């Protein structure tokens, strides 16, 4: 289980299974309700193809599909989760990537 708490009050959680169910999906909870995120509607190959289309769009236009600050925040979150898994400690999300 990974839990991230941001200074503006947002909370993000990720929970995985080590055995058994290999389904992937999510739920977005907001003030006015929750919405499931369906990820298994299309085969994995189609998802990969869409990812490659976005990468090629970046190479053609120079405009990323995701805001760079949002991307860096996501990478910092994953780095902190990995550091926490290694040490067992809570890791603050810093403004710079973790070593």
Foldseek 3Di string as FASTA:
>chain_A
DAWDADPVGDIDDDDDDPDDDPDDWAWDQDPVGIDTGDDPPDDPVVVVVVVVVQVVVCVVPVDHPDDPQVVQQVQQSVQQVVVCVVVVDRDHRDPDHDD
